[in-house]
């Protein structure tokens, strides 16, 4: 009986010792800030602690910063004459200087789109136009007009878009520049120095002399066209 009691007491002491050792082994899983003596015990062995460093980036905007005015002439910069319209007339984009002032257009022959959203979602710029109408008499319009634009490649400080293709501009919105997902970030500049007007022969037999203008509408959307299925 005495032997059994001694064995039980020994077992209890051993278990208590093991429990006490376990308590010391798993003390302080994290440092308790501002509580002296509650951190990791480096009395006998080195210890290490982990913290974090961070900063945040605020998003910016997707903006249409510049669109060009478009002035078409003969190759040598002269104006076509009434007599020219008895046959097909071909004009080229000469510069961005108009006979009057437009609302948003510039004479720099530049399109500028800036994308600082930080989403890399891409974007697209579409363009359309109205009829060419006589400034002195809005009832007089030019028929049979085909207008095309071919902006230069993207000059950017981010990820450039694909090179724009020659695009027919009519009364329907047509994508001129498409920045696919992952492109078109930061500031994107496109030169607009290549463009043509072709006016079909015989389509303006009652033409009136004067200056004709069309409204050009530029629409920037916050998502690009999707690639066509292959």
Protein backbone atom coordinates (compact mmCIF):
# COMPACT_ATOMS: atom_id res chain seq x y z
CA UNK A 1 0.00 0.00 0.00
CA UNK A 2 2.79 2.40 0.93
CA UNK A 3 4.55 1.49 -2.29
CA UNK A 4 1.41 2.28 -4.30
CA UNK A 5 0.97 5.66 -2.59
CA UNK A 6 4.60 6.53 -3.25
CA UNK A 7 4.15 5.64 -6.92
CA UNK A 8 1.04 7.82 -7.20
CA UNK A 9 2.77 10.76 -5.53
CA UNK A 10 5.75 10.39 -7.87
CA UNK A 11 3.43 10.30 -10.90
CA UNK A 12 1.60 13.42 -9.70
CA UNK A 13 4.85 15.33 -9.25
CA UNK A 14 6.06 14.27 -12.71
CA UNK A 15 2.77 15.30 -14.35
CA UNK A 16 2.82 18.62 -12.51
CA UNK A 17 6.37 19.20 -13.66
CA UNK A 18 5.43 18.39 -17.24
CA UNK A 19 2.47 20.76 -17.08
CA UNK A 20 4.63 23.53 -15.69
CA UNK A 21 7.25 22.96 -18.38
CA UNK A 22 4.51 23.05 -21.04
CA UNK A 23 3.24 26.38 -19.68
CA UNK A 24 6.69 27.96 -20.00
CA UNK A 25 7.25 26.52 -23.51
CA UNK A 26 4.12 28.12 -25.01
CA UNK A 27 4.07 31.46 -23.20
CA UNK A 28 3.48 34.66 -25.26
CA UNK A 29 2.49 33.81 -28.85
CA UNK A 30 2.46 37.54 -29.74
CA UNK A 31 3.91 40.61 -28.14
CA UNK A 32 1.42 42.56 -26.08
CA UNK A 33 2.11 46.18 -26.92
CA UNK A 34 2.77 48.37 -23.92
CA UNK A 35 2.86 45.52 -21.41
CA UNK A 36 6.37 45.27 -19.90
CA UNK A 37 7.54 41.71 -19.35
CA UNK A 38 4.80 40.16 -21.50
CA UNK A 39 6.89 39.68 -24.62
CA UNK A 40 9.14 36.91 -25.89
CA UNK A 41 11.72 35.57 -23.42
CA UNK A 42 15.28 36.12 -24.68
CA UNK A 43 16.94 35.43 -21.31
CA UNK A 44 18.67 32.28 -22.52
CA UNK A 45 18.15 32.21 -26.32
CA UNK A 46 17.65 34.84 -29.03
CA UNK A 47 14.09 35.55 -30.07
CA UNK A 48 12.63 37.33 -33.10
CA UNK A 49 9.45 39.28 -33.74
CA UNK A 50 7.55 40.18 -36.91
CA UNK A 51 5.79 43.43 -37.76
CA UNK A 52 4.58 45.02 -41.05
CA UNK A 53 5.28 48.12 -43.14
CA UNK A 54 2.72 49.58 -45.54
CA UNK A 55 1.67 52.46 -47.73
CA UNK A 56 -1.53 53.07 -49.73
CA UNK A 57 -2.04 54.33 -53.29
CA UNK A 58 -5.11 56.43 -54.00
CA UNK A 59 -6.73 56.00 -57.44
CA UNK A 60 -6.83 58.77 -60.04
CA UNK A 61 -9.11 59.36 -63.03
CA UNK A 62 -9.53 58.40 -66.65
CA UNK A 63 -9.62 61.67 -68.59
CA UNK A 64 -9.94 62.94 -72.15
CA UNK A 65 -7.43 65.81 -72.15
CA UNK A 66 -7.09 66.86 -75.81
CA UNK A 67 -9.01 66.42 -79.08
CA UNK A 68 -8.04 68.03 -82.39
CA UNK A 69 -9.82 70.37 -84.75
CA UNK A 70 -9.58 69.16 -88.36
CA UNK A 71 -8.93 71.42 -91.35
CA UNK A 72 -8.96 69.74 -94.79
CA UNK A 73 -7.51 71.30 -97.99
CA UNK A 74 -5.93 70.34 -101.28
CA UNK A 75 -2.46 68.81 -101.05
CA UNK A 76 -0.82 72.24 -101.38
CA UNK A 77 -2.98 73.85 -98.67
CA UNK A 78 -5.35 75.64 -101.05
CA UNK A 79 -9.14 75.36 -101.02
CA UNK A 80 -11.03 73.37 -103.66
CA UNK A 81 -13.10 75.37 -106.16
CA UNK A 82 -16.73 74.89 -107.18
CA UNK A 83 -15.56 73.58 -110.56
CA UNK A 84 -13.67 70.75 -108.84
CA UNK A 85 -16.92 69.16 -107.66
CA UNK A 86 -17.88 68.05 -111.17
CA UNK A 87 -15.54 65.13 -110.46
CA UNK A 88 -14.33 63.29 -107.37
CA UNK A 89 -12.68 65.61 -104.85
CA UNK A 90 -9.88 64.42 -102.58
CA UNK A 91 -8.75 66.58 -99.69
CA UNK A 92 -6.18 65.90 -97.00
CA UNK A 93 -5.93 66.89 -93.35
CA UNK A 94 -3.75 70.02 -93.48
CA UNK A 95 -3.74 71.37 -89.91
CA UNK A 96 -5.99 72.15 -86.97
CA UNK A 97 -6.62 75.84 -87.64
CA UNK A 98 -10.28 76.71 -88.22
CA UNK A 99 -11.99 79.84 -89.49
CA UNK A 100 -13.75 80.13 -86.13
CA UNK A 101 -13.33 78.83 -82.58
CA UNK A 102 -14.54 75.37 -81.56
CA UNK A 103 -15.65 74.41 -78.06
CA UNK A 104 -13.14 71.73 -77.10
CA UNK A 105 -10.84 71.22 -80.08
CA UNK A 106 -7.20 72.27 -80.24
CA UNK A 107 -4.93 73.29 -83.10
CA UNK A 108 -2.12 71.03 -81.85
CA UNK A 109 -3.33 68.04 -83.88
CA UNK A 110 -3.20 65.90 -80.73
CA UNK A 111 -5.41 63.40 -78.95
CA UNK A 112 -4.46 62.94 -75.29
CA UNK A 113 -6.00 60.39 -72.94
CA UNK A 114 -4.72 59.97 -69.37
CA UNK A 115 -5.51 56.89 -67.30
CA UNK A 116 -4.52 57.08 -63.63
CA UNK A 117 -7.28 54.84 -62.24
CA UNK A 118 -4.81 52.13 -61.28
CA UNK A 119 -7.12 49.36 -62.53
CA UNK A 120 -5.39 48.45 -65.81
CA UNK A 121 -8.90 47.92 -67.17
CA UNK A 122 -8.24 49.65 -70.50
CA UNK A 123 -10.46 52.09 -72.39
CA UNK A 124 -11.61 53.06 -75.88
CA UNK A 125 -12.02 56.31 -77.79
CA UNK A 126 -14.78 56.49 -80.39
CA UNK A 127 -15.45 59.22 -82.94
CA UNK A 128 -18.40 60.29 -85.09
CA UNK A 129 -19.32 63.34 -87.16
CA UNK A 130 -22.31 65.22 -88.48
CA UNK A 131 -22.86 66.39 -92.07
CA UNK A 132 -20.62 69.12 -93.47
CA UNK A 133 -22.87 72.18 -93.37
CA UNK A 134 -22.45 75.67 -94.82
CA UNK A 135 -21.72 78.12 -91.99
CA UNK A 136 -23.72 80.92 -93.68
CA UNK A 137 -26.72 78.75 -94.62
CA UNK A 138 -27.36 75.62 -92.56
CA UNK A 139 -29.73 74.28 -95.23
CA UNK A 140 -26.75 73.72 -97.55
CA UNK A 141 -24.86 70.45 -96.94
CA UNK A 142 -22.19 68.46 -98.76
CA UNK A 143 -23.25 64.98 -99.82
CA UNK A 144 -21.16 61.93 -100.68
CA UNK A 145 -18.42 62.57 -98.09
CA UNK A 146 -16.11 59.83 -96.82
CA UNK A 147 -13.84 60.99 -93.99
CA UNK A 148 -10.97 58.89 -92.62
CA UNK A 149 -8.48 59.45 -89.79
CA UNK A 150 -5.25 57.59 -89.07
CA UNK A 151 -3.68 58.75 -85.77
CA UNK A 152 0.00 58.09 -85.12
CA UNK A 153 1.23 55.46 -82.68
CA UNK A 154 0.93 55.98 -78.95
CA UNK A 155 3.57 58.09 -77.23
CA UNK A 156 3.12 57.28 -73.56
CA UNK A 157 4.88 57.11 -70.22
CA UNK A 158 2.94 53.97 -69.32
CA UNK A 159 1.97 50.83 -71.28
CA UNK A 160 1.27 51.83 -74.88
CA UNK A 161 -1.89 50.94 -76.78
CA UNK A 162 -1.84 49.11 -80.09
CA UNK A 163 -1.23 51.38 -83.09
CA UNK A 164 -4.52 52.92 -84.29
CA UNK A 165 -5.76 51.86 -87.72
CA UNK A 166 -7.16 54.09 -90.45
CA UNK A 167 -10.81 54.58 -89.50
CA UNK A 168 -13.83 55.81 -91.45
CA UNK A 169 -15.61 58.53 -89.47
CA UNK A 170 -19.35 58.84 -90.11
CA UNK A 171 -22.51 59.56 -88.13
CA UNK A 172 -22.12 56.30 -86.20
CA UNK A 173 -19.65 56.07 -83.32
CA UNK A 174 -16.61 54.12 -84.52
CA UNK A 175 -13.72 53.03 -82.29
CA UNK A 176 -10.64 55.01 -83.26
CA UNK A 177 -8.28 53.95 -80.45
CA UNK A 178 -8.68 50.82 -78.34
CA UNK A 179 -6.58 50.35 -75.20
CA UNK A 180 -6.95 46.67 -74.38
CA UNK A 181 -6.87 45.46 -70.78
CA UNK A 182 -3.42 46.09 -69.33
CA UNK A 183 -2.55 48.92 -71.76
CA UNK A 184 -3.21 52.65 -72.07
CA UNK A 185 -1.95 53.53 -68.60
CA UNK A 186 -0.67 56.98 -67.62
CA UNK A 187 -0.62 59.69 -70.35
CA UNK A 188 -1.24 58.65 -73.97
CA UNK A 189 -0.56 61.08 -76.84
CA UNK A 190 -1.56 60.48 -80.45
CA UNK A 191 -0.68 62.76 -83.36
CA UNK A 192 -3.56 63.43 -85.78
CA UNK A 193 -1.86 64.58 -88.96
CA UNK A 194 -3.12 61.93 -91.37
CA UNK A 195 -6.68 62.17 -92.59
CA UNK A 196 -8.63 62.38 -95.82
CA UNK A 197 -11.92 63.62 -97.21
CA UNK A 198 -13.21 62.04 -100.39
CA UNK A 199 -16.32 63.57 -101.99
CA UNK A 200 -18.00 61.47 -104.66
CA UNK A 201 -18.28 62.85 -108.17
CA UNK A 202 -21.67 64.28 -109.15
CA UNK A 203 -23.06 64.21 -105.60
CA UNK A 204 -23.21 68.03 -105.22
CA UNK A 205 -24.55 69.45 -108.50
CA UNK A 206 -26.15 72.45 -106.73
CA UNK A 207 -23.11 73.18 -104.56
CA UNK A 208 -22.82 76.63 -102.98
CA UNK A 209 -19.48 78.30 -102.28
CA UNK A 210 -18.58 78.94 -98.67
CA UNK A 211 -17.07 77.34 -95.58
CA UNK A 212 -18.46 73.99 -94.49
CA UNK A 213 -18.04 72.43 -91.04
CA UNK A 214 -19.06 69.19 -89.36
CA UNK A 215 -19.35 68.57 -85.64
CA UNK A 216 -16.89 65.88 -84.55
CA UNK A 217 -17.80 63.98 -81.39
CA UNK A 218 -15.11 62.15 -79.39
CA UNK A 219 -16.36 59.65 -76.78
CA UNK A 220 -14.06 58.08 -74.17
CA UNK A 221 -15.40 54.92 -72.50
CA UNK A 222 -13.89 53.26 -69.42
CA UNK A 223 -13.77 49.75 -70.92
CA UNK A 224 -12.14 48.63 -74.19
CA UNK A 225 -13.60 46.70 -77.08
CA UNK A 226 -13.18 42.99 -76.59
CA UNK A 227 -11.01 41.06 -79.02
CA UNK A 228 -13.09 39.36 -81.73
CA UNK A 229 -13.47 35.62 -81.39
CA UNK A 230 -10.87 33.66 -83.35
